[in-house]
Amino acid sequence: KVSDLYIDCHFKVEWKEQEEAIPQVMENLKYIEEQLKGNKFFGGET
């Protein structure tokens, strides 16, 4: 709502609609986690 993604997500969790959105955030982080399998960094070793 205010352009700063994580700030809105984690500083406004008192509001019900934001609380309901947290599971989707966690799901998206899982996708990112998968990209690091076998690698130190996202592209490899550097």
All heavy atoms as atom14 arrays in JSON, in Angstrom:
{
  "sequence": "KVSDLYIDCHFKVEWKEQEEAIPQVMENLKYIEEQLKGNKFFGGET",
  "atom14_mask": [
    [1, 1, 1, 1, 1, 1, 1, 1, 1, 0, 0, 0, 0, 0],
    [1, 1, 1, 1, 1, 1, 1, 0, 0, 0, 0, 0, 0, 0],
    [1, 1, 1, 1, 1, 1, 0, 0, 0, 0, 0, 0, 0, 0],
    [1, 1, 1, 1, 1, 1, 1, 1, 0, 0, 0, 0, 0, 0],
    [1, 1, 1, 1, 1, 1, 1, 1, 0, 0, 0, 0, 0, 0],
    [1, 1, 1, 1, 1, 1, 1, 1, 1, 1, 1, 1, 0, 0],
    [1, 1, 1, 1, 1, 1, 1, 1, 0, 0, 0, 0, 0, 0],
    [1, 1, 1, 1, 1, 1, 1, 1, 0, 0, 0, 0, 0, 0],
    [1, 1, 1, 1, 1, 1, 0, 0, 0, 0, 0, 0, 0, 0],
    [1, 1, 1, 1, 1, 1, 1, 1, 1, 1, 0, 0, 0, 0],
    [1, 1, 1, 1, 1, 1, 1, 1, 1, 1, 1, 0, 0, 0],
    [1, 1, 1, 1, 1, 1, 1, 1, 1, 0, 0, 0, 0, 0],
    [1, 1, 1, 1, 1, 1, 1, 0, 0, 0, 0, 0, 0, 0],
    [1, 1, 1, 1, 1, 1, 1, 1, 1, 0, 0, 0, 0, 0],
    [1, 1, 1, 1, 1, 1, 1, 1, 1, 1, 1, 1, 1, 1],
    [1, 1, 1, 1, 1, 1, 1, 1, 1, 0, 0, 0, 0, 0],
    [1, 1, 1, 1, 1, 1, 1, 1, 1, 0, 0, 0, 0, 0],
    [1, 1, 1, 1, 1, 1, 1, 1, 1, 0, 0, 0, 0, 0],
    [1, 1, 1, 1, 1, 1, 1, 1, 1, 0, 0, 0, 0, 0],
    [1, 1, 1, 1, 1, 1, 1, 1, 1, 0, 0, 0, 0, 0],
    [1, 1, 1, 1, 1, 0, 0, 0, 0, 0, 0, 0, 0, 0],
    [1, 1, 1, 1, 1, 1, 1, 1, 0, 0, 0, 0, 0, 0],
    [1, 1, 1, 1, 1, 1, 1, 0, 0, 0, 0, 0, 0, 0],
    [1, 1, 1, 1, 1, 1, 1, 1, 1, 0, 0, 0, 0, 0],
    [1, 1, 1, 1, 1, 1, 1, 0, 0, 0, 0, 0, 0, 0],
    [1, 1, 1, 1, 1, 1, 1, 1, 0, 0, 0, 0, 0, 0],
    [1, 1, 1, 1, 1, 1, 1, 1, 1, 0, 0, 0, 0, 0],
    [1, 1, 1, 1, 1, 1, 1, 1, 0, 0, 0, 0, 0, 0],
    [1, 1, 1, 1, 1, 1, 1, 1, 0, 0, 0, 0, 0, 0],
    [1, 1, 1, 1, 1, 1, 1, 1, 1, 0, 0, 0, 0, 0],
    [1, 1, 1, 1, 1, 1, 1, 1, 1, 1, 1, 1, 0, 0],
    [1, 1, 1, 1, 1, 1, 1, 1, 0, 0, 0, 0, 0, 0],
    [1, 1, 1, 1, 1, 1, 1, 1, 1, 0, 0, 0, 0, 0],
    [1, 1, 1, 1, 1, 1, 1, 1, 1, 0, 0, 0, 0, 0],
    [1, 1, 1, 1, 1, 1, 1, 1, 1, 0, 0, 0, 0, 0],
    [1, 1, 1, 1, 1, 1, 1, 1, 0, 0, 0, 0, 0, 0],
    [1, 1, 1, 1, 1, 1, 1, 1, 1, 0, 0, 0, 0, 0],
    [1, 1, 1, 1, 0, 0, 0, 0, 0, 0, 0, 0, 0, 0],
    [1, 1, 1, 1, 1, 1, 1, 1, 0, 0, 0, 0, 0, 0],
    [1, 1, 1, 1, 1, 1, 1, 1, 1, 0, 0, 0, 0, 0],
    [1, 1, 1, 1, 1, 1, 1, 1, 1, 1, 1, 0, 0, 0],
    [1, 1, 1, 1, 1, 1, 1, 1, 1, 1, 1, 0, 0, 0],
    [1, 1, 1, 1, 0, 0, 0, 0, 0, 0, 0, 0, 0, 0],
    [1, 1, 1, 1, 0, 0, 0, 0, 0, 0, 0, 0, 0, 0],
    [1, 1, 1, 1, 1, 1, 1, 1, 1, 0, 0, 0, 0, 0],
    [1, 1, 1, 1, 1, 1, 1, 0, 0, 0, 0, 0, 0, 0]
  ],
  "atom14_positions": [
    [[0.81, -1.21, 0.0], [0.0, 0.0, 0.0], [0.84, 1.27, 0.0], [0.39, 2.31, -0.4], [-0.91, 0.03, 1.24], [-1.77, -1.2, 1.4], [-2.82, -1.3, 0.34], [-3.77, -2.46, 0.62], [-4.72, -2.68, -0.45], [0.0, 0.0, 0.0], [0.0, 0.0, 0.0], [0.0, 0.0, 0.0], [0.0, 0.0, 0.0], [0.0, 0.0, 0.0]],
    [[2.06, 1.16, 0.54], [2.87, 2.36, 0.69], [4.21, 2.21, -0.02], [5.14, 2.95, 0.2], [3.1, 2.66, 2.19], [3.73, 4.02, 2.43], [1.77, 2.61, 2.94], [0.0, 0.0, 0.0], [0.0, 0.0, 0.0], [0.0, 0.0, 0.0], [0.0, 0.0, 0.0], [0.0, 0.0, 0.0], [0.0, 0.0, 0.0], [0.0, 0.0, 0.0]],
    [[4.32, 1.17, -0.86], [5.45, 0.9, -1.75], [6.61, 0.18, -1.09], [7.45, -0.35, -1.78], [5.98, 2.19, -2.41], [6.87, 2.86, -1.54], [0.0, 0.0, 0.0], [0.0, 0.0, 0.0], [0.0, 0.0, 0.0], [0.0, 0.0, 0.0], [0.0, 0.0, 0.0], [0.0, 0.0, 0.0], [0.0, 0.0, 0.0], [0.0, 0.0, 0.0]],
    [[6.67, 0.11, 0.22], [7.8, -0.56, 0.85], [7.34, -1.95, 1.29], [6.74, -2.11, 2.34], [8.31, 0.24, 2.05], [9.79, 0.02, 2.28], [10.36, -0.9, 1.68], [10.37, 0.78, 3.06], [0.0, 0.0, 0.0], [0.0, 0.0, 0.0], [0.0, 0.0, 0.0], [0.0, 0.0, 0.0], [0.0, 0.0, 0.0], [0.0, 0.0, 0.0]],
    [[7.63, -2.96, 0.5], [6.97, -4.25, 0.61], [7.07, -4.87, 1.98], [6.09, -5.22, 2.61], [7.54, -5.21, -0.45], [7.44, -4.72, -1.9], [8.01, -5.77, -2.84], [6.02, -4.43, -2.28], [0.0, 0.0, 0.0], [0.0, 0.0, 0.0], [0.0, 0.0, 0.0], [0.0, 0.0, 0.0], [0.0, 0.0, 0.0], [0.0, 0.0, 0.0]],
    [[8.28, -5.06, 2.47], [8.43, -5.73, 3.75], [7.92, -4.88, 4.9], [7.41, -5.4, 5.88], [9.89, -6.1, 3.99], [10.16, -7.55, 3.71], [10.79, -7.94, 2.54], [9.77, -8.54, 4.61], [11.03, -9.27, 2.28], [10.0, -9.87, 4.35], [10.65, -10.24, 3.18], [10.87, -11.55, 2.91], [0.0, 0.0, 0.0], [0.0, 0.0, 0.0]],
    [[8.06, -3.59, 4.78], [7.57, -2.72, 5.86], [6.06, -2.88, 5.98], [5.52, -3.08, 7.07], [7.93, -1.25, 5.58], [9.44, -1.07, 5.59], [7.3, -0.34, 6.63], [9.88, 0.28, 5.14], [0.0, 0.0, 0.0], [0.0, 0.0, 0.0], [0.0, 0.0, 0.0], [0.0, 0.0, 0.0], [0.0, 0.0, 0.0], [0.0, 0.0, 0.0]],
    [[5.36, -2.82, 4.86], [3.91, -2.99, 4.91], [3.54, -4.36, 5.44], [2.62, -4.52, 6.23], [3.32, -2.82, 3.51], [3.17, -1.36, 3.13], [3.37, -0.51, 4.02], [2.86, -1.07, 1.98], [0.0, 0.0, 0.0], [0.0, 0.0, 0.0], [0.0, 0.0, 0.0], [0.0, 0.0, 0.0], [0.0, 0.0, 0.0], [0.0, 0.0, 0.0]],
    [[4.27, -5.38, 4.98], [3.94, -6.75, 5.36], [4.1, -6.98, 6.84], [3.22, -7.52, 7.49], [4.83, -7.71, 4.57], [4.58, -9.43, 4.98], [0.0, 0.0, 0.0], [0.0, 0.0, 0.0], [0.0, 0.0, 0.0], [0.0, 0.0, 0.0], [0.0, 0.0, 0.0], [0.0, 0.0, 0.0], [0.0, 0.0, 0.0], [0.0, 0.0, 0.0]],
    [[5.22, -6.57, 7.4], [5.54, -6.95, 8.77], [5.23, -5.88, 9.81], [5.17, -6.19, 10.99], [7.01, -7.36, 8.85], [7.3, -8.58, 8.06], [6.69, -9.79, 8.3], [8.12, -8.79, 7.01], [7.13, -10.7, 7.45], [7.99, -10.11, 6.65], [0.0, 0.0, 0.0], [0.0, 0.0, 0.0], [0.0, 0.0, 0.0], [0.0, 0.0, 0.0]],
    [[5.02, -4.64, 9.38], [4.7, -3.6, 10.34], [3.2, -3.37, 10.44], [2.74, -2.67, 11.3], [5.38, -2.27, 9.97], [6.86, -2.27, 10.23], [7.51, -3.37, 10.74], [7.6, -1.14, 9.96], [8.87, -3.36, 10.97], [8.96, -1.12, 10.19], [9.6, -2.23, 10.69], [0.0, 0.0, 0.0], [0.0, 0.0, 0.0], [0.0, 0.0, 0.0]],
    [[2.42, -3.97, 9.54], [0.99, -3.76, 9.56], [0.24, -5.06, 9.79], [-0.92, -5.19, 9.46], [0.56, -3.11, 8.23], [1.12, -1.7, 8.06], [0.99, -1.17, 6.66], [-0.4, -0.89, 6.25], [-0.48, -0.32, 4.89], [0.0, 0.0, 0.0], [0.0, 0.0, 0.0], [0.0, 0.0, 0.0], [0.0, 0.0, 0.0], [0.0, 0.0, 0.0]],
    [[0.94, -6.05, 10.35], [0.31, -7.36, 10.55], [-0.83, -7.29, 11.56], [-1.58, -8.26, 11.68], [1.33, -8.42, 11.01], [2.32, -8.69, 9.91], [2.04, -7.97, 12.28], [0.0, 0.0, 0.0], [0.0, 0.0, 0.0], [0.0, 0.0, 0.0], [0.0, 0.0, 0.0], [0.0, 0.0, 0.0], [0.0, 0.0, 0.0], [0.0, 0.0, 0.0]],
    [[-0.98, -6.19, 12.31], [-2.09, -6.08, 13.23], [-3.42, -6.06, 12.49], [-4.45, -6.41, 13.03], [-1.96, -4.81, 14.08], [-0.84, -4.85, 15.11], [0.52, -4.64, 14.5], [0.59, -4.27, 13.32], [1.52, -4.88, 15.2], [0.0, 0.0, 0.0], [0.0, 0.0, 0.0], [0.0, 0.0, 0.0], [0.0, 0.0, 0.0], [0.0, 0.0, 0.0]],
    [[-3.41, -5.66, 11.23], [-4.63, -5.6, 10.45], [-4.91, -6.97, 9.86], [-4.04, -7.63, 9.32], [-4.48, -4.55, 9.33], [-4.3, -3.18, 9.89], [-4.77, -2.69, 11.07], [-3.55, -2.12, 9.3], [-4.38, -1.4, 11.25], [-3.63, -1.02, 10.19], [-2.84, -1.98, 8.11], [-3.04, 0.19, 9.92], [-2.23, -0.79, 7.84], [-2.34, 0.3, 8.74]],
    [[-6.16, -7.4, 9.93], [-6.54, -8.77, 9.59], [-6.12, -9.15, 8.17], [-5.62, -10.25, 7.92], [-8.05, -8.94, 9.73], [-8.54, -10.37, 9.54], [-10.02, -10.45, 9.89], [-10.52, -11.9, 9.81], [-10.47, -12.41, 8.44], [0.0, 0.0, 0.0], [0.0, 0.0, 0.0], [0.0, 0.0, 0.0], [0.0, 0.0, 0.0], [0.0, 0.0, 0.0]],
    [[-6.3, -8.24, 7.2], [-5.98, -8.59, 5.83], [-4.49, -8.87, 5.64], [-4.11, -9.7, 4.83], [-6.44, -7.5, 4.85], [-5.83, -6.12, 5.06], [-6.69, -5.25, 5.96], [-7.37, -5.8, 6.85], [-6.65, -4.02, 5.77], [0.0, 0.0, 0.0], [0.0, 0.0, 0.0], [0.0, 0.0, 0.0], [0.0, 0.0, 0.0], [0.0, 0.0, 0.0]],
    [[-3.64, -8.17, 6.41], [-2.21, -8.45, 6.3], [-1.86, -9.78, 6.95], [-1.02, -10.52, 6.46], [-1.39, -7.32, 6.92], [-1.13, -6.16, 5.96], [-2.22, -5.13, 6.05], [-2.83, -4.97, 7.08], [-2.45, -4.42, 4.97], [0.0, 0.0, 0.0], [0.0, 0.0, 0.0], [0.0, 0.0, 0.0], [0.0, 0.0, 0.0], [0.0, 0.0, 0.0]],
    [[-2.51, -10.09, 8.05], [-2.25, -11.36, 8.73], [-2.6, -12.53, 7.81], [-1.89, -13.55, 7.78], [-3.05, -11.44, 10.03], [-2.56, -10.49, 11.11], [-3.39, -10.56, 12.38], [-4.58, -10.93, 12.28], [-2.85, -10.28, 13.45], [0.0, 0.0, 0.0], [0.0, 0.0, 0.0], [0.0, 0.0, 0.0], [0.0, 0.0, 0.0], [0.0, 0.0, 0.0]],
    [[-3.67, -12.38, 7.06], [-4.07, -13.44, 6.16], [-3.1, -13.59, 4.99], [-3.05, -14.65, 4.35], [-5.49, -13.16, 5.64], [-6.55, -13.25, 6.74], [-7.91, -12.82, 6.27], [-7.99, -12.21, 5.18], [-8.9, -13.08, 6.98], [0.0, 0.0, 0.0], [0.0, 0.0, 0.0], [0.0, 0.0, 0.0], [0.0, 0.0, 0.0], [0.0, 0.0, 0.0]],
    [[-2.34, -12.54, 4.7], [-1.41, -12.59, 3.57], [-0.09, -13.26, 3.92], [0.64, -13.69, 3.03], [-1.14, -11.17, 3.07], [0.0, 0.0, 0.0], [0.0, 0.0, 0.0], [0.0, 0.0, 0.0], [0.0, 0.0, 0.0], [0.0, 0.0, 0.0], [0.0, 0.0, 0.0], [0.0, 0.0, 0.0], [0.0, 0.0, 0.0], [0.0, 0.0, 0.0]],
    [[0.25, -13.37, 5.21], [1.54, -13.9, 5.62], [1.81, -15.3, 5.07], [2.92, -15.59, 4.61], [1.68, -13.89, 7.16], [1.66, -12.45, 7.67], [2.95, -14.58, 7.6], [2.77, -11.58, 7.16], [0.0, 0.0, 0.0], [0.0, 0.0, 0.0], [0.0, 0.0, 0.0], [0.0, 0.0, 0.0], [0.0, 0.0, 0.0], [0.0, 0.0, 0.0]],
    [[0.83, -16.24, 5.07], [1.11, -17.57, 4.52], [1.59, -17.53, 3.07], [2.45, -18.32, 2.68], [-0.24, -18.29, 4.64], [-0.91, -17.63, 5.79], [-0.51, -16.19, 5.7], [0.0, 0.0, 0.0], [0.0, 0.0, 0.0], [0.0, 0.0, 0.0], [0.0, 0.0, 0.0], [0.0, 0.0, 0.0], [0.0, 0.0, 0.0], [0.0, 0.0, 0.0]],
    [[1.06, -16.61, 2.27], [1.52, -16.5, 0.89], [2.96, -16.0, 0.82], [3.75, -16.44, -0.02], [0.61, -15.55, 0.1], [0.97, -15.46, -1.38], [0.89, -16.79, -2.07], [-0.15, -17.45, -2.05], [1.98, -17.23, -2.7], [0.0, 0.0, 0.0], [0.0, 0.0, 0.0], [0.0, 0.0, 0.0], [0.0, 0.0, 0.0], [0.0, 0.0, 0.0]],
    [[3.32, -15.11, 1.74], [4.71, -14.65, 1.8], [5.63, -15.83, 2.09], [6.67, -16.0, 1.46], [4.87, -13.57, 2.9], [6.33, -13.15, 3.02], [4.0, -12.36, 2.59], [0.0, 0.0, 0.0], [0.0, 0.0, 0.0], [0.0, 0.0, 0.0], [0.0, 0.0, 0.0], [0.0, 0.0, 0.0], [0.0, 0.0, 0.0], [0.0, 0.0, 0.0]],
    [[5.24, -16.67, 3.06], [6.05, -17.83, 3.41], [6.17, -18.8, 2.24], [7.23, -19.38, 2.0], [5.45, -18.55, 4.63], [5.44, -17.73, 5.92], [7.1, -17.25, 6.48], [7.13, -15.5, 6.01], [0.0, 0.0, 0.0], [0.0, 0.0, 0.0], [0.0, 0.0, 0.0], [0.0, 0.0, 0.0], [0.0, 0.0, 0.0], [0.0, 0.0, 0.0]],
    [[5.08, -18.96, 1.49], [5.11, -19.84, 0.32], [6.09, -19.31, -0.72], [6.86, -20.07, -1.33], [3.71, -19.94, -0.29], [3.59, -20.94, -1.43], [3.77, -22.39, -0.99], [3.58, -22.68, 0.22], [4.1, -23.22, -1.85], [0.0, 0.0, 0.0], [0.0, 0.0, 0.0], [0.0, 0.0, 0.0], [0.0, 0.0, 0.0], [0.0, 0.0, 0.0]],
    [[6.1, -18.0, -0.92], [7.03, -17.4, -1.88], [8.48, -17.56, -1.43], [9.37, -17.78, -2.25], [6.68, -15.93, -2.08], [5.38, -15.74, -2.84], [4.96, -16.61, -3.6], [4.73, -14.61, -2.63], [0.0, 0.0, 0.0], [0.0, 0.0, 0.0], [0.0, 0.0, 0.0], [0.0, 0.0, 0.0], [0.0, 0.0, 0.0], [0.0, 0.0, 0.0]],
    [[8.71, -17.47, -0.13], [10.06, -17.68, 0.38], [10.53, -19.11, 0.15], [11.72, -19.36, -0.07], [10.13, -17.33, 1.87], [10.08, -15.84, 2.22], [10.05, -15.65, 3.73], [11.25, -15.08, 1.61], [0.0, 0.0, 0.0], [0.0, 0.0, 0.0], [0.0, 0.0, 0.0], [0.0, 0.0, 0.0], [0.0, 0.0, 0.0], [0.0, 0.0, 0.0]],
    [[9.6, -20.05, 0.18], [9.96, -21.45, -0.1], [10.46, -21.6, -1.53], [11.4, -22.35, -1.8], [8.75, -22.36, 0.13], [8.39, -22.56, 1.59], [7.17, -23.47, 1.72], [6.73, -23.62, 3.17], [5.5, -24.44, 3.3], [0.0, 0.0, 0.0], [0.0, 0.0, 0.0], [0.0, 0.0, 0.0], [0.0, 0.0, 0.0], [0.0, 0.0, 0.0]],
    [[9.82, -20.91, -2.48], [10.28, -20.95, -3.86], [11.71, -20.44, -3.97], [12.55, -21.0, -4.7], [9.37, -20.08, -4.75], [7.98, -20.62, -4.96], [6.87, -19.78, -4.83], [7.75, -21.95, -5.31], [5.59, -20.25, -5.03], [6.47, -22.43, -5.51], [5.39, -21.58, -5.37], [4.13, -22.04, -5.56], [0.0, 0.0, 0.0], [0.0, 0.0, 0.0]],
    [[11.98, -19.36, -3.24], [13.33, -18.78, -3.27], [14.34, -19.73, -2.63], [15.45, -19.91, -3.14], [13.32, -17.4, -2.56], [12.41, -16.43, -3.32], [14.73, -16.84, -2.47], [12.1, -15.17, -2.57], [0.0, 0.0, 0.0], [0.0, 0.0, 0.0], [0.0, 0.0, 0.0], [0.0, 0.0, 0.0], [0.0, 0.0, 0.0], [0.0, 0.0, 0.0]],
    [[13.94, -20.35, -1.54], [14.81, -21.31, -0.86], [15.24, -22.42, -1.81], [16.41, -22.85, -1.8], [14.05, -21.92, 0.34], [14.72, -23.09, 1.02], [15.57, -22.7, 2.22], [15.72, -21.48, 2.47], [16.09, -23.6, 2.88], [0.0, 0.0, 0.0], [0.0, 0.0, 0.0], [0.0, 0.0, 0.0], [0.0, 0.0, 0.0], [0.0, 0.0, 0.0]],
    [[14.33, -22.88, -2.66], [14.63, -23.97, -3.6], [15.76, -23.6, -4.56], [16.51, -24.48, -5.0], [13.37, -24.3, -4.4], [12.3, -25.05, -3.63], [12.7, -26.48, -3.35], [13.23, -27.15, -4.25], [12.5, -26.94, -2.2], [0.0, 0.0, 0.0], [0.0, 0.0, 0.0], [0.0, 0.0, 0.0], [0.0, 0.0, 0.0], [0.0, 0.0, 0.0]],
    [[15.89, -22.33, -4.86], [16.9, -21.9, -5.83], [18.32, -21.99, -5.28], [19.28, -21.9, -6.05], [16.61, -20.46, -6.29], [15.22, -20.25, -6.84], [14.84, -21.3, -7.85], [15.55, -21.52, -8.84], [13.73, -21.98, -7.61], [0.0, 0.0, 0.0], [0.0, 0.0, 0.0], [0.0, 0.0, 0.0], [0.0, 0.0, 0.0], [0.0, 0.0, 0.0]],
    [[18.44, -22.19, -3.99], [19.77, -22.23, -3.37], [20.28, -23.66, -3.15], [21.39, -23.84, -2.67], [19.74, -21.5, -2.02], [19.67, -19.97, -2.13], [19.22, -19.37, -0.81], [21.01, -19.4, -2.55], [0.0, 0.0, 0.0], [0.0, 0.0, 0.0], [0.0, 0.0, 0.0], [0.0, 0.0, 0.0], [0.0, 0.0, 0.0], [0.0, 0.0, 0.0]],
    [[19.51, -24.64, -3.55], [19.95, -26.02, -3.34], [21.26, -26.3, -4.07], [21.38, -26.1, -5.27], [18.86, -27.0, -3.82], [17.7, -27.14, -2.85], [16.76, -28.24, -3.27], [15.67, -28.45, -2.22], [14.7, -29.5, -2.62], [0.0, 0.0, 0.0], [0.0, 0.0, 0.0], [0.0, 0.0, 0.0], [0.0, 0.0, 0.0], [0.0, 0.0, 0.0]],
    [[22.26, -26.74, -3.3], [23.55, -27.06, -3.88], [24.45, -25.89, -4.16], [25.55, -26.05, -4.7], [0.0, 0.0, 0.0], [0.0, 0.0, 0.0], [0.0, 0.0, 0.0], [0.0, 0.0, 0.0], [0.0, 0.0, 0.0], [0.0, 0.0, 0.0], [0.0, 0.0, 0.0], [0.0, 0.0, 0.0], [0.0, 0.0, 0.0], [0.0, 0.0, 0.0]],
    [[24.0, -24.67, -3.81], [24.78, -23.47, -4.11], [25.04, -22.62, -2.87], [24.2, -22.56, -1.97], [24.05, -22.59, -5.13], [24.0, -23.21, -6.51], [24.94, -23.86, -6.94], [22.89, -23.02, -7.19], [0.0, 0.0, 0.0], [0.0, 0.0, 0.0], [0.0, 0.0, 0.0], [0.0, 0.0, 0.0], [0.0, 0.0, 0.0], [0.0, 0.0, 0.0]],
    [[26.18, -21.98, -2.86], [26.49, -21.02, -1.81], [25.73, -19.72, -2.05], [25.2, -19.11, -1.12], [28.0, -20.75, -1.76], [28.45, -19.8, -0.67], [29.97, -19.66, -0.67], [30.45, -18.72, 0.43], [31.93, -18.59, 0.42], [0.0, 0.0, 0.0], [0.0, 0.0, 0.0], [0.0, 0.0, 0.0], [0.0, 0.0, 0.0], [0.0, 0.0, 0.0]],
    [[25.72, -19.29, -3.33], [24.98, -18.11, -3.75], [23.99, -18.55, -4.83], [24.03, -19.68, -5.3], [25.92, -17.02, -4.26], [26.87, -16.52, -3.21], [28.22, -16.88, -3.24], [26.43, -15.7, -2.19], [29.09, -16.42, -2.27], [27.31, -15.24, -1.21], [28.64, -15.61, -1.25], [0.0, 0.0, 0.0], [0.0, 0.0, 0.0], [0.0, 0.0, 0.0]],
    [[23.13, -17.64, -5.26], [22.1, -18.03, -6.22], [22.68, -18.5, -7.55], [22.11, -19.37, -8.2], [21.13, -16.86, -6.45], [20.15, -16.67, -5.34], [20.38, -15.74, -4.34], [19.0, -17.44, -5.27], [19.48, -15.56, -3.29], [18.09, -17.27, -4.23], [18.33, -16.34, -3.23], [0.0, 0.0, 0.0], [0.0, 0.0, 0.0], [0.0, 0.0, 0.0]],
    [[23.82, -17.9, -7.93], [24.42, -18.29, -9.2], [25.55, -19.29, -9.07], [26.16, -19.65, -10.08], [0.0, 0.0, 0.0], [0.0, 0.0, 0.0], [0.0, 0.0, 0.0], [0.0, 0.0, 0.0], [0.0, 0.0, 0.0], [0.0, 0.0, 0.0], [0.0, 0.0, 0.0], [0.0, 0.0, 0.0], [0.0, 0.0, 0.0], [0.0, 0.0, 0.0]],
    [[25.85, -19.73, -7.86], [26.95, -20.68, -7.68], [27.84, -20.29, -6.51], [27.37, -20.13, -5.39], [0.0, 0.0, 0.0], [0.0, 0.0, 0.0], [0.0, 0.0, 0.0], [0.0, 0.0, 0.0], [0.0, 0.0, 0.0], [0.0, 0.0, 0.0], [0.0, 0.0, 0.0], [0.0, 0.0, 0.0], [0.0, 0.0, 0.0], [0.0, 0.0, 0.0]],
    [[29.1, -20.09, -6.78], [30.08, -19.84, -5.72], [30.43, -18.38, -5.54], [31.19, -18.03, -4.63], [31.36, -20.65, -5.98], [31.17, -22.15, -5.83], [30.71, -22.53, -4.42], [31.38, -22.13, -3.44], [29.67, -23.21, -4.3], [0.0, 0.0, 0.0], [0.0, 0.0, 0.0], [0.0, 0.0, 0.0], [0.0, 0.0, 0.0], [0.0, 0.0, 0.0]],
    [[29.94, -17.52, -6.4], [30.23, -16.08, -6.28], [28.94, -15.28, -6.35], [27.93, -15.72, -6.91], [31.18, -15.6, -7.4], [30.59, -15.88, -8.67], [32.54, -16.3, -7.3], [0.0, 0.0, 0.0], [0.0, 0.0, 0.0], [0.0, 0.0, 0.0], [0.0, 0.0, 0.0], [0.0, 0.0, 0.0], [0.0, 0.0, 0.0], [0.0, 0.0, 0.0]]
  ]
}
